[in-house]
Amino acid sequence: MAKSNLELVCECDSFPYYEDDRAAYTANLNNYHAFRVSGYDATLGYILNAVVERFPWPQNCWAVDSAARTVTLLAPKDASPAHRSKLVAQSVAEAVRHSHFEVLKGWRNEMYPVFGPRGEFLFEIERAASPLFGIVSYGAHLTGYVEDLAGIKIWVPRRAKNKQTYPGMLDNTVAGGMCTGEAPFECIVREAMEEASLPEPVVRAATVSRGCVTYVHVRDVRAGGETGLLQPEVEYVYDLKLDPAVVPKPGDNEVEAFQLLSIPEVQQALSNGEFKPNCAIIMIDFFIRHGLLTPENEPDYLEIVARLHRRMEHPTASHCSR
């Protein structure tokens, strides 16, 4: 069955809204423990109850309160981010040793930052482990396109069939998670070379920042590993109008091939459910910004625009370089 644009947005931003249905929101939240760090009055993420039950929490650095449904990282009041990071890393390593979780088999050797209520850096965690804790993660997505008298065409890669997450699905031209200390644009420059073999001078000269999208995704079987894990994400969005002579090519083993698709072809692939969920909403955001999706041709326009910019429940950080 064909998927509407709103259905695609809801498939990515899939955690209930308190304002829409308080009972449904509360019922869903009962499936999770709030993740906290001692000394900070903030919930940093939500951990699935089943994960709480199976995770080997070292008692010297974790407090699990089943009645209050909280899991708290215990660290001295003056602990440094490095100290907290070490405690988390040791705990995750123990979970890996016991082979408790499928998601940890996709170890990336990439560290994601976790921020406090004032945007302060608290600690970092291995990327593969981040969904277990339900923390906010950050990424950057770039849409590479060409334009001529026939209109816009978009370079669309297909993910490798052996990828642990969303194998064989369509992706954005360039996309990647932001590691600790990495700025959004620098993430795009790095990923553009690694994934699409796009020359750095071309990317730096012509890439344009176009905002961001935010959502809370509930992982399903396509993500690989445990289902029901929460992924609140901030994705910075960029456009790159390419010269037709510049052709993206796979630069690593994550992309199978690139194809140049017309707007109707991209729309059909979206309707068919061929895009990775968060990549689908980046495409929809592109259509809105380029006047391809409008209030006149999309009955759910207002709802779609609002859902592309969800206000996060957890602390977030500014990536301003000033």
Protein backbone atom coordinates (compact mmCIF):
# COMPACT_ATOMS: atom_id res chain seq x y z
CA MET A 1 0.00 0.00 0.00
CA ALA A 2 1.28 3.46 -0.90
CA LYS A 3 2.47 5.58 2.01
CA SER A 4 1.45 9.23 2.31
CA ASN A 5 3.95 11.92 3.26
CA LEU A 6 2.36 12.24 6.69
CA GLU A 7 2.58 8.48 7.22
CA LEU A 8 6.29 8.61 6.39
CA VAL A 9 6.81 11.42 8.89
CA CYS A 10 4.87 9.55 11.58
CA GLU A 11 6.88 6.40 10.85
CA CYS A 12 10.06 8.29 11.72
CA ASP A 13 8.71 10.51 14.50
CA SER A 14 6.98 7.55 16.04
CA PHE A 15 6.86 8.19 19.80
CA PRO A 16 3.45 9.50 20.99
CA TYR A 17 2.91 13.17 21.82
CA TYR A 18 1.64 14.00 25.29
CA GLU A 19 -0.52 16.78 23.86
CA ASP A 20 -2.28 14.43 21.42
CA ASP A 21 -3.13 11.54 23.71
CA ARG A 22 -2.03 11.71 27.34
CA ALA A 23 -3.14 8.16 28.07
CA ALA A 24 -1.21 6.69 25.13
CA TYR A 25 1.85 8.77 25.97
CA THR A 26 1.81 7.66 29.61
CA ALA A 27 1.21 4.03 28.68
CA ASN A 28 4.22 4.10 26.36
CA LEU A 29 6.42 5.85 28.89
CA ASN A 30 5.63 3.10 31.40
CA ASN A 31 7.75 0.81 29.21
CA TYR A 32 10.88 2.83 30.01
CA HIS A 33 13.13 3.94 32.85
CA ALA A 34 14.38 7.54 32.94
CA PHE A 35 18.14 7.77 32.49
CA ARG A 36 19.81 10.31 34.76
CA VAL A 37 23.24 11.37 35.98
CA SER A 38 23.81 12.20 39.63
CA GLY A 39 24.10 15.91 40.27
CA TYR A 40 21.91 16.93 37.32
CA ASP A 41 18.17 17.55 37.45
CA ALA A 42 17.33 16.24 34.00
CA THR A 43 16.25 13.09 32.22
CA LEU A 44 18.88 12.43 29.56
CA GLY A 45 17.08 9.56 27.85
CA TYR A 46 14.66 6.67 28.25
CA ILE A 47 15.86 3.08 28.68
CA LEU A 48 13.53 0.25 27.71
CA ASN A 49 12.47 -1.78 30.78
CA ALA A 50 13.66 -4.98 29.12
CA VAL A 51 17.11 -3.41 28.72
CA VAL A 52 17.16 -2.36 32.38
CA GLU A 53 16.41 -5.94 33.39
CA ARG A 54 19.17 -7.46 31.27
CA PHE A 55 21.92 -4.86 31.54
CA PRO A 56 24.73 -5.80 33.98
CA TRP A 57 24.63 -2.58 36.06
CA PRO A 58 27.74 -2.37 38.30
CA GLN A 59 26.42 -1.39 41.73
CA ASN A 60 29.36 0.88 42.46
CA CYS A 61 28.40 3.32 39.68
CA TRP A 62 24.70 2.77 38.95
CA ALA A 63 21.51 3.11 40.97
CA VAL A 64 18.42 1.38 39.57
CA ASP A 65 15.09 2.36 41.17
CA SER A 66 12.41 0.07 39.78
CA ALA A 67 9.62 1.78 41.70
CA ALA A 68 10.46 5.23 40.35
CA ARG A 69 11.62 3.72 37.05
CA THR A 70 14.96 5.53 37.03
CA VAL A 71 18.52 4.49 36.23
CA THR A 72 21.16 6.88 37.54
CA LEU A 73 24.86 7.02 36.73
CA LEU A 74 26.62 7.62 40.04
CA ALA A 75 29.68 9.84 39.90
CA PRO A 76 31.26 12.39 42.25
CA LYS A 77 29.81 15.88 42.08
CA ASP A 78 33.04 17.20 40.59
CA ALA A 79 33.50 14.28 38.16
CA SER A 80 34.95 15.16 34.79
CA PRO A 81 33.38 14.09 31.48
CA ALA A 82 36.31 11.72 31.05
CA HIS A 83 35.54 10.07 34.40
CA ARG A 84 31.84 9.60 33.57
CA SER A 85 32.76 8.33 30.12
CA LYS A 86 35.04 5.73 31.64
CA LEU A 87 32.29 4.47 33.95
CA VAL A 88 29.86 4.17 31.05
CA ALA A 89 32.45 2.50 28.81
CA GLN A 90 33.26 -0.10 31.46
CA SER A 91 29.58 -0.88 31.91
CA VAL A 92 28.96 -1.20 28.17
CA ALA A 93 32.05 -3.40 27.82
CA GLU A 94 30.59 -5.74 30.44
CA ALA A 95 27.34 -5.95 28.44
CA VAL A 96 29.36 -6.76 25.32
CA ARG A 97 31.29 -9.45 27.19
CA HIS A 98 28.03 -11.15 28.17
CA SER A 99 26.56 -10.76 24.63
CA HIS A 100 23.39 -9.32 26.12
CA PHE A 101 22.33 -7.08 23.23
CA GLU A 102 22.23 -7.46 19.46
CA VAL A 103 22.74 -3.73 18.86
CA LEU A 104 26.20 -3.94 20.43
CA LYS A 105 27.30 -6.33 17.69
CA GLY A 106 27.30 -3.32 15.38
CA TRP A 107 30.19 -1.71 17.26
CA ARG A 108 31.32 1.41 15.39
CA ASN A 109 34.28 2.79 17.39
CA GLU A 110 32.56 6.17 17.17
CA MET A 111 31.74 8.18 20.27
CA TYR A 112 28.53 10.16 20.70
CA PRO A 113 28.35 13.09 23.15
CA VAL A 114 25.70 13.42 25.87
CA PHE A 115 24.80 16.87 27.16
CA GLY A 116 23.33 18.24 30.38
CA PRO A 117 20.44 20.66 31.02
CA ARG A 118 22.53 23.74 30.16
CA GLY A 119 24.08 22.14 27.11
CA GLU A 120 27.23 21.17 29.00
CA PHE A 121 29.16 18.09 27.85
CA LEU A 122 28.66 15.32 30.43
CA PHE A 123 30.18 12.21 28.85
CA GLU A 124 30.47 10.24 25.63
CA ILE A 125 29.23 6.80 24.71
CA GLU A 126 29.93 4.29 21.93
CA ARG A 127 27.51 4.90 19.06
CA ALA A 128 26.22 1.32 19.00
CA ALA A 129 25.24 1.59 22.67
CA SER A 130 23.46 4.94 22.43
CA PRO A 131 20.00 3.48 21.55
CA LEU A 132 20.12 1.35 24.71
CA PHE A 133 20.14 4.56 26.75
CA GLY A 134 17.73 6.52 24.55
CA ILE A 135 19.91 9.63 24.55
CA VAL A 136 19.67 12.43 21.98
CA SER A 137 22.09 11.90 19.11
CA TYR A 138 23.13 14.30 16.39
CA GLY A 139 23.75 13.85 12.69
CA ALA A 140 24.05 15.73 9.43
CA HIS A 141 22.38 14.95 6.09
CA LEU A 142 23.15 16.40 2.67
CA THR A 143 21.02 16.24 -0.44
CA GLY A 144 23.14 16.37 -3.57
CA TYR A 145 21.20 17.36 -6.68
CA VAL A 146 21.53 18.65 -10.22
CA GLU A 147 19.16 21.01 -11.99
CA ASP A 148 18.54 21.68 -15.67
CA LEU A 149 15.66 22.61 -17.94
CA ALA A 150 13.99 19.30 -17.08
CA GLY A 151 14.02 20.15 -13.39
CA ILE A 152 15.73 18.78 -10.28
CA LYS A 153 17.27 15.33 -10.03
CA ILE A 154 18.65 13.93 -6.77
CA TRP A 155 21.58 11.62 -6.19
CA VAL A 156 20.20 8.73 -4.12
CA PRO A 157 22.40 5.94 -2.73
CA ARG A 158 21.26 2.44 -1.84
CA ARG A 159 22.58 1.09 1.42
CA ALA A 160 24.66 -2.07 1.29
CA LYS A 161 22.66 -5.26 1.77
CA ASN A 162 25.05 -6.42 4.51
CA LYS A 163 24.61 -3.36 6.73
CA GLN A 164 23.28 -4.15 10.19
CA THR A 165 20.82 -1.25 10.07
CA TYR A 166 18.25 -0.76 7.31
CA PRO A 167 20.08 -2.96 4.76
CA GLY A 168 19.31 -2.33 1.11
CA MET A 169 17.14 0.74 1.75
CA LEU A 170 17.54 4.11 0.03
CA ASP A 171 19.46 6.86 1.82
CA ASN A 172 20.32 10.53 1.49
CA THR A 173 23.24 11.51 -0.73
CA VAL A 174 25.48 11.97 2.31
CA ALA A 175 24.56 11.28 5.93
CA GLY A 176 26.32 10.48 9.15
CA GLY A 177 26.32 10.71 12.91
CA MET A 178 28.26 13.51 14.60
CA CYS A 179 31.03 12.32 16.89
CA THR A 180 32.14 14.06 20.09
CA GLY A 181 33.50 17.51 19.33
CA GLU A 182 32.47 17.42 15.67
CA ALA A 183 30.63 20.34 14.08
CA PRO A 184 27.71 19.63 11.72
CA PHE A 185 29.39 20.98 8.60
CA GLU A 186 32.66 19.15 9.30
CA CYS A 187 30.64 15.96 9.64
CA ILE A 188 29.23 16.55 6.15
CA VAL A 189 32.69 17.19 4.70
CA ARG A 190 34.02 13.97 6.25
CA GLU A 191 31.06 11.82 5.26
CA ALA A 192 30.93 13.27 1.73
CA MET A 193 34.39 11.94 1.03
CA GLU A 194 33.95 8.64 2.90
CA GLU A 195 30.54 7.70 1.51
CA ALA A 196 30.24 9.49 -1.83
CA SER A 197 33.84 10.29 -2.88
CA LEU A 198 32.88 13.96 -3.26
CA PRO A 199 35.96 16.22 -3.38
CA GLU A 200 36.39 18.34 -0.26
CA PRO A 201 36.85 21.62 -2.20
CA VAL A 202 33.51 21.06 -3.99
CA VAL A 203 31.70 20.32 -0.73
CA ARG A 204 33.19 23.27 1.15
CA ALA A 205 32.56 25.73 -1.68
CA ALA A 206 28.97 24.94 -2.58
CA THR A 207 27.22 23.29 0.39
CA VAL A 208 24.42 25.37 1.92
CA SER A 209 23.01 24.96 5.44
CA ARG A 210 19.22 24.51 5.31
CA GLY A 211 18.16 24.04 8.94
CA CYS A 212 17.46 20.85 10.84
CA VAL A 213 14.82 18.24 11.54
CA THR A 214 14.10 16.65 14.93
CA TYR A 215 12.13 13.56 15.91
CA VAL A 216 11.88 10.68 18.37
CA HIS A 217 12.09 7.36 16.58
CA VAL A 218 11.09 4.01 18.04
CA ARG A 219 13.34 1.37 16.46
CA ASP A 220 11.69 -1.49 14.60
CA VAL A 221 13.11 -4.69 13.10
CA ARG A 222 14.63 -2.86 10.13
CA ALA A 223 17.04 -1.06 12.46
CA GLY A 224 18.64 -4.36 13.47
CA GLY A 225 18.80 -5.71 17.00
CA GLU A 226 16.37 -4.97 19.80
CA THR A 227 13.09 -3.24 18.94
CA GLY A 228 11.38 -0.55 20.99
CA LEU A 229 14.60 1.34 21.71
CA LEU A 230 14.20 5.12 21.50
CA GLN A 231 16.29 7.34 19.24
CA PRO A 232 15.67 11.05 19.76
CA GLU A 233 17.68 12.69 16.98
CA VAL A 234 18.68 16.10 15.69
CA GLU A 235 19.65 16.05 12.02
CA TYR A 236 21.30 19.13 10.52
CA VAL A 237 20.28 19.55 6.88
CA TYR A 238 22.41 20.68 3.94
CA ASP A 239 21.94 21.04 0.19
CA LEU A 240 24.63 20.74 -2.47
CA LYS A 241 23.85 21.68 -6.06
CA LEU A 242 26.33 19.69 -8.13
CA ASP A 243 27.74 20.19 -11.58
CA PRO A 244 26.46 17.33 -13.79
CA ALA A 245 30.08 16.33 -14.32
CA VAL A 246 30.46 15.54 -10.61
CA VAL A 247 29.21 12.01 -10.00
CA PRO A 248 29.06 10.55 -6.45
CA LYS A 249 30.68 7.12 -6.12
CA PRO A 250 30.71 4.72 -3.16
CA GLY A 251 33.79 5.43 -1.05
CA ASP A 252 33.30 2.69 1.53
CA ASN A 253 31.37 -0.54 2.00
CA GLU A 254 28.24 1.18 3.35
CA VAL A 255 26.81 2.22 -0.02
CA GLU A 256 26.02 -0.20 -2.83
CA ALA A 257 25.49 2.34 -5.62
CA PHE A 258 24.24 5.85 -6.46
CA GLN A 259 21.47 6.64 -8.89
CA LEU A 260 20.27 10.00 -10.21
CA LEU A 261 16.50 10.11 -9.74
CA SER A 262 13.91 12.61 -10.95
CA ILE A 263 11.52 14.12 -8.41
CA PRO A 264 8.64 11.82 -9.51
CA GLU A 265 10.98 8.83 -9.13
CA VAL A 266 11.98 9.92 -5.61
CA GLN A 267 8.33 10.48 -4.71
CA GLN A 268 7.43 7.01 -5.94
CA ALA A 269 10.27 5.44 -3.94
CA LEU A 270 9.06 7.30 -0.86
CA SER A 271 5.51 6.11 -1.44
CA ASN A 272 6.81 2.55 -1.80
CA GLY A 273 8.56 2.77 1.59
CA GLU A 274 12.00 2.28 0.06
CA PHE A 275 13.76 5.02 2.05
CA LYS A 276 15.26 4.62 5.51
CA PRO A 277 12.74 6.36 7.82
CA ASN A 278 14.81 9.40 8.78
CA CYS A 279 16.09 9.77 5.21
CA ALA A 280 12.48 9.86 4.01
CA ILE A 281 11.74 12.92 6.13
CA ILE A 282 14.92 14.65 4.94
CA MET A 283 13.58 14.20 1.40
CA ILE A 284 10.19 15.57 2.44
CA ASP A 285 11.92 18.56 4.06
CA PHE A 286 13.81 19.11 0.77
CA PHE A 287 10.54 19.09 -1.17
CA ILE A 288 9.05 21.69 1.18
CA ARG A 289 12.07 23.98 1.02
CA HIS A 290 12.22 23.82 -2.77
CA GLY A 291 8.51 24.49 -3.25
CA LEU A 292 7.75 20.99 -4.49
CA LEU A 293 5.48 20.20 -1.53
CA THR A 294 3.09 23.06 -0.81
CA PRO A 295 -0.15 23.85 1.05
CA GLU A 296 -1.88 23.62 -2.34
CA ASN A 297 -0.78 20.07 -3.19
CA GLU A 298 -0.41 18.45 0.26
CA PRO A 299 -3.52 18.20 2.48
CA ASP A 300 -1.42 17.40 5.57
CA TYR A 301 1.06 20.25 5.01
CA LEU A 302 0.75 21.95 8.43
CA GLU A 303 0.98 18.69 10.37
CA ILE A 304 4.00 17.57 8.33
CA VAL A 305 5.90 20.83 8.85
CA ALA A 306 5.23 20.73 12.59
CA ARG A 307 6.24 17.09 12.95
CA LEU A 308 9.57 17.70 11.20
CA HIS A 309 10.58 19.95 14.10
CA ARG A 310 9.72 18.15 17.31
CA ARG A 311 10.68 19.86 20.56
CA MET A 312 12.94 17.48 22.48
CA GLU A 313 12.09 16.40 26.03
CA HIS A 314 15.78 15.85 26.80
CA PRO A 315 18.65 18.37 27.01
CA THR A 316 20.20 19.39 23.72
CA ALA A 317 23.33 21.33 22.85
CA SER A 318 24.16 24.23 20.58
CA HIS A 319 26.84 23.54 18.00
CA CYS A 320 27.60 27.21 17.50
CA SER A 321 31.36 27.68 17.11
CA ARG A 322 31.50 31.17 18.65
